[in-house]
Protein backbone atom coordinates (compact mmCIF):
# COMPACT_ATOMS: atom_id res chain seq x y z
CA MET A 1 -2.95 -38.10 -8.30
CA GLU A 2 -2.72 -36.68 -5.24
CA SER A 3 -5.29 -38.17 -2.52
CA GLY A 4 -8.76 -36.45 -1.99
CA PRO A 5 -8.00 -35.11 1.60
CA ALA A 6 -4.74 -33.91 -0.15
CA ALA A 7 -6.39 -32.61 -3.33
CA PHE A 8 -9.25 -30.66 -1.66
CA ALA A 9 -6.91 -29.07 1.01
CA GLY A 10 -4.74 -28.06 -2.10
CA ALA A 11 -7.30 -26.13 -3.78
CA ALA A 12 -8.76 -24.59 -0.60
CA PHE A 13 -5.26 -23.31 -0.29
CA ALA A 14 -4.84 -22.10 -3.84
CA LEU A 15 -7.73 -20.29 -4.01
CA PHE A 16 -7.59 -18.82 -1.00
CA GLY A 17 -3.80 -17.58 -1.54
CA ALA A 18 -5.25 -16.23 -4.79
CA GLY A 19 -7.79 -14.78 -3.37
CA LEU A 20 -5.72 -12.65 -0.96
CA LEU A 21 -3.35 -11.75 -3.47
CA LEU A 22 -5.79 -10.30 -5.70
CA TRP A 23 -8.22 -8.63 -3.49
CA THR A 24 -4.70 -6.83 -1.26
CA GLY A 25 -3.02 -5.55 -4.77
CA VAL A 26 -7.05 -4.29 -5.25
CA ARG A 27 -6.87 -2.10 -2.33
CA VAL A 28 -3.82 -1.05 -2.43
CA ARG A 29 -3.75 0.37 -6.06
CA ALA A 30 -7.43 1.53 -5.31
CA GLY A 31 -5.22 3.07 -2.60
CA GLU A 32 -7.69 2.27 0.18
CA PRO A 33 -6.76 0.21 3.47
CA VAL A 34 -6.13 -3.15 3.04
CA ALA A 35 -6.78 -3.90 7.37
CA ASP A 36 -8.50 -1.44 9.42
CA GLY A 37 -6.32 -0.11 12.05
CA VAL A 38 -2.99 -1.56 11.09
CA ALA A 39 -0.17 0.76 9.58
CA PRO A 40 -1.31 0.77 5.31
CA ARG A 41 2.36 -0.71 4.25
CA GLY A 42 2.56 -2.92 7.08
CA ALA A 43 -0.83 -4.74 6.26
CA ALA A 44 -0.40 -4.55 2.49
CA VAL A 45 3.20 -6.45 2.91
CA THR A 46 1.48 -9.33 5.13
CA GLY A 47 -1.19 -9.34 3.17
CA LEU A 48 1.06 -10.25 0.03
CA CYS A 49 3.06 -12.38 2.05
CA PHE A 50 0.40 -14.82 3.34
CA GLY A 51 -1.04 -15.01 -0.29
CA ALA A 52 1.72 -15.76 -1.42
CA ALA A 53 2.52 -18.64 1.30
CA PHE A 54 -0.57 -20.23 0.89
CA LEU A 55 -0.90 -20.12 -2.77
CA VAL A 56 2.75 -22.05 -3.06
CA THR A 57 1.45 -24.03 -0.13
CA GLY A 58 -1.56 -25.08 -2.93
CA CYS A 59 -0.08 -25.61 -5.26
CA ARG A 60 2.94 -28.01 -3.72
CA LEU A 61 -0.22 -29.82 -2.21
CA LEU A 62 -1.78 -30.51 -5.73
CA GLY A 63 1.68 -31.45 -7.05
CA PHE A 64 3.01 -28.68 -9.09
CA TRP A 65 6.19 -28.78 -6.78
């Protein structure tokens, strides 16, 4: 088992990344803007990339990789 702070940080990163991926996917599927005042395609790609990066970082901190 990882240390307490690493487990907390890993859970926070993983939850935020999963939430960002879910939220971005729902907004794109509904045809709504992901970010206000930004190009729709660029905002969707950026949201998906950062969501995946946060999720991978969280899983790494939790010891899944």
